[in-house]
Amino acid sequence: MIESAGPRPRVVVLGGGYGGFKVAKGLDDVADVTLVDPSDAFMHNVAAWRALVEPEWLDRIFMPYSRLLANGRFLRDSAVSVEGRKVTLASGAELEPDYLILATGSSYPFPAKVDEPDIATARARFREAHEVLVDAQRVLLIGAGPAGLELAGEIKAFYPGKHVTLADVAPDILPGPYDQALRDELRRQLDELGVELKLGSPLRELPSAPPATAAPIAIATEAGDKLTADVWYRCFGVTPHTGYLRGSLADARDAKGYVRVDEYLRVRGQDRVFAIGDIADADRNMAAFAGSQADLLAANISALITGEGEPAAYERWPTLIVVPLGPEGGAGQLPGQDAIAGPDVVADLKGRALLVDSNAELFDAPEAG
């Protein structure tokens, strides 16, 4: 137990995504928190597809880290090496906190995620991509997971006259532990929207043009189907950001680069080093799960700091997914419900507001400086 009159224990959180910013916020009142991220703002990428089709959303999806913490600090930097609890940053600075939380997330093709480090540049890239989409008559989406489905729905909801083709090597949409009834309902709605599905055959090659840029696209599947478009989007390819880990932390990664954690979200073999969100093997990659892990970890570390209460174990979530197809469409599978959630439920839960306000309200601290 740490005496309340003594200095607060130091907590460093690497990464300001859904898990990182929430755990930093949750510990701000009990610890000396430092949040490290190379960007100057959190990007609410759940709403990224909406910002592509309706750029007015760009004013809502970027939330400055300078408004997150009332007591702690934000460092715009990135980790280049972490061994044990010793962190070396790109700037050359070194940190060795009492508790280290790894929450560096994952990369995903633009515009689901953006790698520009400042708000202005990121917004400009979105606006350029929006103009490309506006001018395109035919759109090709490669990858029929949640990202591809949501993007197809957004484009057809806002631009119903555009021809949208969704291609995947899998024989059906939405891979994962989901009921077939969910896939059937989503396919029914996609058909109503006029989305063309090309499933079950590999592509002979990916388009040579970069995604989200204007270019004549003409490729084929192994089955012989010709796919043409004026722009294409890559809707697959998650990569966890764990390349900076060294020594025993690097050894804790699995073959895909995910960090193995125990039931308390501690990195395997470590005492006060934790991993949450997309880099951890605690659960599937989903913003809601990262936030749940952050809440649990903040409560557990608070208990360790104050000596009040006992740490709780993280339990994997049951099957859960909500897939909007535009503001008013989509379907989902919710825990404890046998029936598939339809468009009205999905629109209320996610489709219309895209969870922007619930995240924005956490960025309520006075502007730093």
Protein backbone atom coordinates (compact mmCIF):
# COMPACT_ATOMS: atom_id res chain seq x y z
CA MET A 1 0.00 0.00 0.00
CA ILE A 2 1.26 3.48 -0.86
CA GLU A 3 0.81 6.21 1.76
CA SER A 4 -1.60 8.91 0.60
CA ALA A 5 0.77 11.63 1.85
CA GLY A 6 3.67 10.36 -0.25
CA PRO A 7 4.34 10.89 -3.93
CA ARG A 8 1.93 9.33 -6.33
CA PRO A 9 3.17 6.21 -8.12
CA ARG A 10 4.17 6.84 -11.70
CA VAL A 11 2.14 5.26 -14.49
CA VAL A 12 3.16 5.42 -18.14
CA VAL A 13 0.60 4.53 -20.80
CA LEU A 14 2.03 3.92 -24.27
CA GLY A 15 -0.65 4.58 -26.87
CA GLY A 16 -3.75 6.74 -26.76
CA GLY A 17 -6.30 4.56 -28.54
CA TYR A 18 -9.55 3.28 -27.06
CA GLY A 19 -7.76 1.33 -24.34
CA GLY A 20 -4.89 3.74 -23.70
CA PHE A 21 -6.77 6.99 -23.28
CA LYS A 22 -9.41 5.37 -21.07
CA VAL A 23 -6.96 3.75 -18.67
CA ALA A 24 -4.96 6.99 -18.47
CA LYS A 25 -8.16 8.91 -17.67
CA GLY A 26 -9.20 6.29 -15.12
CA LEU A 27 -5.92 6.57 -13.20
CA ASP A 28 -5.54 10.34 -13.40
CA ASP A 29 -6.89 10.90 -9.88
CA VAL A 30 -4.73 8.30 -8.10
CA ALA A 31 -1.41 8.24 -9.97
CA ASP A 32 1.13 10.43 -11.71
CA VAL A 33 0.07 9.52 -15.24
CA THR A 34 2.03 10.09 -18.44
CA LEU A 35 0.28 9.26 -21.70
CA VAL A 36 2.56 8.86 -24.72
CA ASP A 37 1.32 8.93 -28.30
CA PRO A 38 2.84 10.18 -31.59
CA SER A 39 -0.40 11.93 -32.61
CA ASP A 40 -1.75 15.12 -31.08
CA ALA A 41 -5.32 13.82 -30.90
CA PHE A 42 -7.31 10.68 -30.41
CA MET A 43 -9.08 9.64 -33.59
CA HIS A 44 -12.48 8.04 -33.04
CA ASN A 45 -12.01 5.66 -35.93
CA VAL A 46 -15.38 3.96 -35.33
CA ALA A 47 -16.73 6.96 -37.26
CA ALA A 48 -13.98 7.06 -39.90
CA TRP A 49 -16.18 5.73 -42.71
CA ARG A 50 -18.81 8.38 -41.97
CA ALA A 51 -16.15 11.09 -42.13
CA LEU A 52 -15.13 9.79 -45.56
CA VAL A 53 -18.62 10.13 -47.00
CA GLU A 54 -19.64 13.19 -44.95
CA PRO A 55 -16.57 15.35 -44.11
CA GLU A 56 -18.55 17.45 -41.60
CA TRP A 57 -17.84 14.60 -39.18
CA LEU A 58 -14.12 15.50 -39.24
CA ASP A 59 -14.85 18.21 -36.68
CA ARG A 60 -16.15 15.55 -34.29
CA ILE A 61 -13.85 12.55 -34.56
CA PHE A 62 -10.52 14.13 -33.53
CA MET A 63 -10.20 14.77 -29.78
CA PRO A 64 -7.03 16.53 -28.52
CA TYR A 65 -5.05 14.66 -25.87
CA SER A 66 -4.31 18.02 -24.27
CA ARG A 67 -7.90 17.96 -22.95
CA LEU A 68 -7.80 14.43 -21.51
CA LEU A 69 -5.90 14.58 -18.21
CA ALA A 70 -6.53 17.05 -15.40
CA ASN A 71 -3.50 16.02 -13.31
CA GLY A 72 -1.23 13.97 -15.57
CA ARG A 73 0.62 14.90 -18.72
CA PHE A 74 0.58 14.04 -22.39
CA LEU A 75 3.84 13.48 -24.29
CA ARG A 76 3.72 13.58 -28.06
CA ASP A 77 6.33 10.92 -28.68
CA SER A 78 6.62 7.21 -29.41
CA ALA A 79 8.41 4.23 -27.91
CA VAL A 80 11.31 2.81 -29.88
CA SER A 81 12.43 0.33 -27.21
CA VAL A 82 10.78 -1.12 -24.13
CA GLU A 83 12.46 -3.69 -21.91
CA GLY A 84 10.89 -4.47 -18.58
CA ARG A 85 9.56 -1.12 -17.36
CA LYS A 86 12.29 0.92 -19.05
CA VAL A 87 10.95 2.92 -21.99
CA THR A 88 13.12 4.67 -24.55
CA LEU A 89 11.28 7.22 -26.67
CA ALA A 90 12.03 8.44 -30.18
CA SER A 91 13.05 11.79 -28.70
CA GLY A 92 15.76 10.04 -26.67
CA ALA A 93 13.93 10.51 -23.38
CA GLU A 94 13.79 7.55 -21.02
CA LEU A 95 10.99 6.64 -18.63
CA GLU A 96 10.89 3.95 -15.96
CA PRO A 97 7.54 4.13 -14.18
CA ASP A 98 6.16 2.09 -11.32
CA TYR A 99 3.47 0.73 -13.64
CA LEU A 100 3.73 0.45 -17.41
CA ILE A 101 0.71 -0.07 -19.64
CA LEU A 102 1.21 -1.08 -23.26
CA ALA A 103 -1.70 0.09 -25.40
CA THR A 104 -0.09 0.90 -28.74
CA GLY A 105 -2.91 -0.63 -30.77
CA SER A 106 -2.77 -1.73 -34.36
CA SER A 107 -2.50 -0.36 -37.86
CA TYR A 108 -5.24 -0.71 -40.45
CA PRO A 109 -5.51 0.68 -43.97
CA PHE A 110 -6.76 4.25 -44.43
CA PRO A 111 -9.37 5.59 -43.94
CA ALA A 112 -10.38 3.19 -41.14
CA LYS A 113 -7.23 4.44 -39.44
CA VAL A 114 -4.90 7.26 -40.37
CA ASP A 115 -1.15 7.44 -39.77
CA GLU A 116 -0.74 11.22 -40.09
CA PRO A 117 0.47 12.53 -36.70
CA ASP A 118 -1.42 15.84 -36.59
CA ILE A 119 -5.07 16.76 -36.90
CA ALA A 120 -4.70 19.21 -39.78
CA THR A 121 -2.85 16.76 -42.02
CA ALA A 122 -5.23 13.94 -41.21
CA ARG A 123 -8.28 16.06 -41.97
CA ALA A 124 -6.77 17.18 -45.26
CA ARG A 125 -6.17 13.59 -46.28
CA PHE A 126 -9.78 12.70 -45.50
CA ARG A 127 -11.05 15.62 -47.57
CA GLU A 128 -8.90 14.59 -50.53
CA ALA A 129 -10.18 11.02 -50.24
CA HIS A 130 -13.75 12.32 -50.04
CA GLU A 131 -13.35 14.21 -53.32
CA VAL A 132 -11.99 11.06 -54.97
CA LEU A 133 -15.02 9.10 -53.77
CA VAL A 134 -17.45 11.80 -54.94
CA ASP A 135 -15.99 11.65 -58.46
CA ALA A 136 -15.97 7.85 -58.65
CA GLN A 137 -18.83 6.00 -60.30
CA ARG A 138 -17.63 2.49 -59.49
CA VAL A 139 -16.11 1.53 -56.13
CA LEU A 140 -14.31 -1.71 -55.25
CA LEU A 141 -13.99 -2.86 -51.64
CA ILE A 142 -11.68 -5.79 -50.94
CA GLY A 143 -12.47 -7.53 -47.69
CA ALA A 144 -15.97 -8.50 -46.52
CA GLY A 145 -15.38 -8.26 -42.79
CA PRO A 146 -16.94 -5.55 -40.60
CA ALA A 147 -14.91 -2.73 -42.19
CA GLY A 148 -15.84 -3.64 -45.75
CA LEU A 149 -19.50 -4.10 -44.86
CA GLU A 150 -19.72 -0.80 -43.01
CA LEU A 151 -17.99 1.10 -45.80
CA ALA A 152 -20.30 -0.44 -48.39
CA GLY A 153 -23.29 0.63 -46.33
CA GLU A 154 -22.00 4.17 -45.85
CA ILE A 155 -21.30 4.70 -49.55
CA LYS A 156 -24.69 3.37 -50.67
CA ALA A 157 -26.53 5.32 -47.97
CA PHE A 158 -25.02 8.65 -49.01
CA TYR A 159 -24.41 7.91 -52.72
CA PRO A 160 -27.00 5.36 -53.79
CA GLY A 161 -26.20 5.83 -57.48
CA LYS A 162 -22.63 4.55 -57.17
CA HIS A 163 -21.87 0.96 -58.11
CA VAL A 164 -20.22 -0.79 -55.15
CA THR A 165 -18.56 -4.20 -55.43
CA LEU A 166 -17.49 -6.08 -52.30
CA ALA A 167 -14.99 -8.89 -52.92
CA ASP A 168 -13.53 -11.53 -50.62
CA VAL A 169 -11.85 -14.90 -50.97
CA ALA A 170 -14.15 -16.31 -48.27
CA PRO A 171 -17.38 -17.95 -49.39
CA ASP A 172 -19.47 -15.67 -47.17
CA ILE A 173 -19.31 -12.27 -45.51
CA LEU A 174 -18.29 -11.51 -41.91
CA PRO A 175 -15.87 -14.22 -40.79
CA GLY A 176 -15.91 -14.96 -37.09
CA PRO A 177 -17.99 -16.63 -34.36
CA TYR A 178 -21.30 -15.22 -35.52
CA ASP A 179 -24.67 -16.79 -36.23
CA GLN A 180 -25.44 -17.46 -39.87
CA ALA A 181 -28.68 -15.57 -39.36
CA LEU A 182 -26.63 -12.38 -38.91
CA ARG A 183 -24.83 -12.91 -42.21
CA ASP A 184 -28.10 -13.68 -43.94
CA GLU A 185 -29.70 -10.48 -42.65
CA LEU A 186 -26.72 -8.35 -43.64
CA ARG A 187 -26.67 -9.92 -47.10
CA ARG A 188 -30.37 -9.21 -47.48
CA GLN A 189 -29.81 -5.55 -46.71
CA LEU A 190 -26.74 -5.34 -48.95
CA ASP A 191 -28.81 -6.75 -51.78
CA GLU A 192 -31.51 -4.13 -51.16
CA LEU A 193 -28.84 -1.43 -51.28
CA GLY A 194 -27.56 -2.79 -54.58
CA VAL A 195 -24.12 -3.87 -53.36
CA GLU A 196 -22.57 -6.49 -55.65
CA LEU A 197 -20.87 -9.38 -53.83
CA LYS A 198 -17.98 -11.31 -55.36
CA LEU A 199 -17.15 -14.04 -52.87
CA GLY A 200 -15.37 -17.37 -52.76
CA SER A 201 -12.54 -16.84 -55.24
CA PRO A 202 -9.06 -15.33 -54.69
CA LEU A 203 -8.02 -12.25 -56.60
CA ARG A 204 -5.29 -12.82 -59.13
CA GLU A 205 -3.63 -9.67 -57.81
CA LEU A 206 -4.43 -6.55 -55.83
CA PRO A 207 -4.83 -3.29 -57.77
CA SER A 208 -1.50 -1.61 -58.48
CA ALA A 209 -2.85 1.84 -57.61
CA PRO A 210 -2.79 2.90 -53.94
CA PRO A 211 -6.10 2.51 -52.12
CA ALA A 212 -8.39 5.54 -51.79
CA THR A 213 -6.86 7.28 -54.82
CA ALA A 214 -8.39 7.93 -58.23
CA ALA A 215 -7.21 5.37 -60.77
CA PRO A 216 -8.69 2.98 -63.34
CA ILE A 217 -8.96 -0.39 -61.59
CA ALA A 218 -9.23 -3.59 -63.61
CA ILE A 219 -8.44 -6.89 -61.91
CA ALA A 220 -9.85 -10.42 -61.99
CA THR A 221 -10.62 -13.27 -59.63
CA GLU A 222 -9.29 -16.77 -60.13
CA ALA A 223 -12.85 -17.72 -61.08
CA GLY A 224 -12.60 -15.34 -64.03
CA ASP A 225 -14.79 -12.48 -62.78
CA LYS A 226 -13.61 -9.06 -63.97
CA LEU A 227 -13.67 -6.30 -61.35
CA THR A 228 -13.47 -2.70 -62.51
CA ALA A 229 -13.64 0.52 -60.52
CA ASP A 230 -12.54 4.14 -60.31
CA VAL A 231 -11.26 3.75 -56.73
CA TRP A 232 -10.66 0.85 -54.37
CA TYR A 233 -10.35 0.43 -50.61
CA ARG A 234 -8.41 -2.18 -48.70
CA CYS A 235 -10.70 -3.47 -45.96
CA PHE A 236 -8.42 -6.05 -44.38
CA GLY A 237 -5.00 -6.26 -42.76
CA VAL A 238 -4.72 -5.60 -39.00
CA THR A 239 -1.14 -5.41 -37.70
CA PRO A 240 -0.43 -5.08 -33.94
CA HIS A 241 2.14 -2.42 -33.01
CA THR A 242 4.55 -4.43 -30.85
CA GLY A 243 7.84 -4.17 -32.75
CA TYR A 244 9.38 -1.92 -30.08
CA LEU A 245 9.33 -4.64 -27.42
CA ARG A 246 12.68 -6.05 -26.33
CA GLY A 247 13.98 -8.90 -24.19
CA SER A 248 11.41 -10.82 -22.19
CA LEU A 249 8.63 -8.54 -23.45
CA ALA A 250 9.42 -9.48 -27.03
CA ASP A 251 9.44 -13.13 -25.97
CA ALA A 252 5.90 -12.69 -24.61
CA ARG A 253 4.53 -12.15 -28.13
CA ASP A 254 2.84 -14.91 -30.07
CA ALA A 255 3.55 -15.79 -33.70
CA LYS A 256 1.29 -12.98 -34.96
CA GLY A 257 2.86 -10.32 -32.76
CA TYR A 258 0.15 -10.18 -30.10
CA VAL A 259 1.25 -9.89 -26.47
CA ARG A 260 0.29 -12.77 -24.21
CA VAL A 261 -1.34 -11.59 -21.00
CA ASP A 262 -2.72 -13.32 -17.91
CA GLU A 263 -6.21 -12.94 -16.50
CA TYR A 264 -5.20 -9.63 -14.88
CA LEU A 265 -3.90 -8.27 -18.21
CA ARG A 266 -0.29 -8.49 -17.02
CA VAL A 267 2.23 -9.36 -19.70
CA ARG A 268 3.29 -12.96 -19.21
CA GLY A 269 6.30 -13.12 -16.90
CA GLN A 270 5.96 -9.49 -15.76
CA ASP A 271 4.79 -7.99 -12.49
CA ARG A 272 3.85 -4.37 -13.23
CA VAL A 273 3.74 -4.35 -17.03
CA PHE A 274 0.30 -4.68 -18.60
CA ALA A 275 -1.04 -4.87 -22.16
CA ILE A 276 -4.55 -4.02 -23.34
CA GLY A 277 -6.50 -3.47 -26.52
CA ASP A 278 -5.50 -4.59 -29.99
CA ILE A 279 -1.98 -5.68 -29.04
CA ALA A 280 -3.11 -8.09 -26.30
CA ASP A 281 -4.40 -11.62 -26.74
CA ALA A 282 -7.03 -11.07 -24.03
CA ASP A 283 -9.93 -10.77 -26.48
CA ARG A 284 -10.88 -10.00 -30.07
CA ASN A 285 -9.88 -6.67 -31.60
CA MET A 286 -12.78 -4.33 -30.95
CA ALA A 287 -13.02 -0.84 -29.50
CA ALA A 288 -15.59 -1.92 -26.91
CA PHE A 289 -13.34 -4.70 -25.65
CA ALA A 290 -10.33 -2.35 -25.39
CA GLY A 291 -12.44 0.06 -23.37
CA SER A 292 -13.64 -2.73 -21.09
CA GLN A 293 -10.06 -3.85 -20.47
CA ALA A 294 -9.07 -0.25 -19.72
CA ASP A 295 -11.83 0.14 -17.15
CA LEU A 296 -10.88 -3.11 -15.43
CA LEU A 297 -7.16 -2.32 -15.42
CA ALA A 298 -7.69 1.20 -14.07
CA ALA A 299 -9.74 -0.26 -11.22
CA ASN A 300 -7.14 -2.96 -10.54
CA ILE A 301 -4.16 -0.60 -10.47
CA SER A 302 -6.15 1.83 -8.32
CA ALA A 303 -6.73 -1.05 -5.87
CA LEU A 304 -3.00 -1.81 -5.84
CA ILE A 305 -2.16 1.85 -5.23
CA THR A 306 -4.72 2.54 -2.51
CA GLY A 307 -4.80 -0.89 -0.93
CA GLU A 308 -8.58 -0.80 -1.18
CA GLY A 309 -10.21 -3.81 -2.80
CA GLU A 310 -8.82 -6.77 -4.70
CA PRO A 311 -7.88 -6.94 -8.40
CA ALA A 312 -10.46 -8.59 -10.62
CA ALA A 313 -9.80 -10.97 -13.51
CA TYR A 314 -10.75 -10.06 -17.05
CA GLU A 315 -13.34 -12.29 -18.69
CA ARG A 316 -13.62 -12.55 -22.45
CA TRP A 317 -16.77 -11.05 -23.81
CA PRO A 318 -19.45 -13.28 -25.28
CA THR A 319 -20.13 -12.95 -28.99
CA LEU A 320 -20.93 -9.33 -29.75
CA ILE A 321 -20.96 -7.31 -32.94
CA VAL A 322 -22.95 -4.38 -34.30
CA VAL A 323 -22.55 -3.69 -38.03
CA PRO A 324 -24.22 -0.50 -39.28
CA LEU A 325 -24.99 -0.20 -42.98
CA GLY A 326 -25.31 3.56 -43.06
CA PRO A 327 -27.13 5.61 -40.41
CA GLU A 328 -30.38 3.65 -40.60
CA GLY A 329 -29.38 0.13 -41.64
CA GLY A 330 -27.40 -2.83 -40.39
CA ALA A 331 -27.68 -5.78 -38.03
CA GLY A 332 -26.00 -7.13 -34.93
CA GLN A 333 -25.58 -10.01 -32.54
CA LEU A 334 -25.92 -9.03 -28.89
CA PRO A 335 -25.17 -11.06 -25.75
CA GLY A 336 -28.17 -12.66 -24.11
CA GLN A 337 -30.43 -12.22 -27.13
CA ASP A 338 -31.38 -15.08 -29.41
CA ALA A 339 -32.77 -12.88 -32.16
CA ILE A 340 -30.56 -10.87 -34.49
CA ALA A 341 -30.70 -7.13 -33.81
CA GLY A 342 -32.23 -5.34 -36.76
CA PRO A 343 -31.75 -1.92 -38.35
CA ASP A 344 -33.74 0.04 -35.75
CA VAL A 345 -31.70 -1.33 -32.84
CA VAL A 346 -28.40 -0.92 -34.70
CA ALA A 347 -29.23 2.65 -35.69
CA ASP A 348 -29.97 3.54 -32.05
CA LEU A 349 -26.92 1.76 -30.66
CA LYS A 350 -24.35 2.88 -33.19
CA GLY A 351 -25.44 3.77 -36.72
CA ARG A 352 -26.73 7.32 -36.25
CA ALA A 353 -24.34 8.79 -33.66
CA LEU A 354 -21.45 6.29 -34.02
CA LEU A 355 -20.61 6.59 -30.30
CA VAL A 356 -18.94 9.97 -30.77
CA ASP A 357 -20.44 11.72 -27.75
CA SER A 358 -19.66 8.95 -25.25
CA ASN A 359 -15.97 9.23 -26.11
CA ALA A 360 -15.85 13.01 -26.49
CA GLU A 361 -17.24 13.57 -23.00
CA LEU A 362 -14.07 12.05 -21.51
CA PHE A 363 -11.97 14.80 -23.07
CA ASP A 364 -13.24 17.36 -20.60
CA ALA A 365 -10.07 18.60 -18.88
CA PRO A 366 -9.00 22.25 -19.29
CA GLU A 367 -6.71 22.80 -22.26
CA ALA A 368 -3.09 22.15 -21.19
CA GLY A 369 -0.89 25.24 -21.00
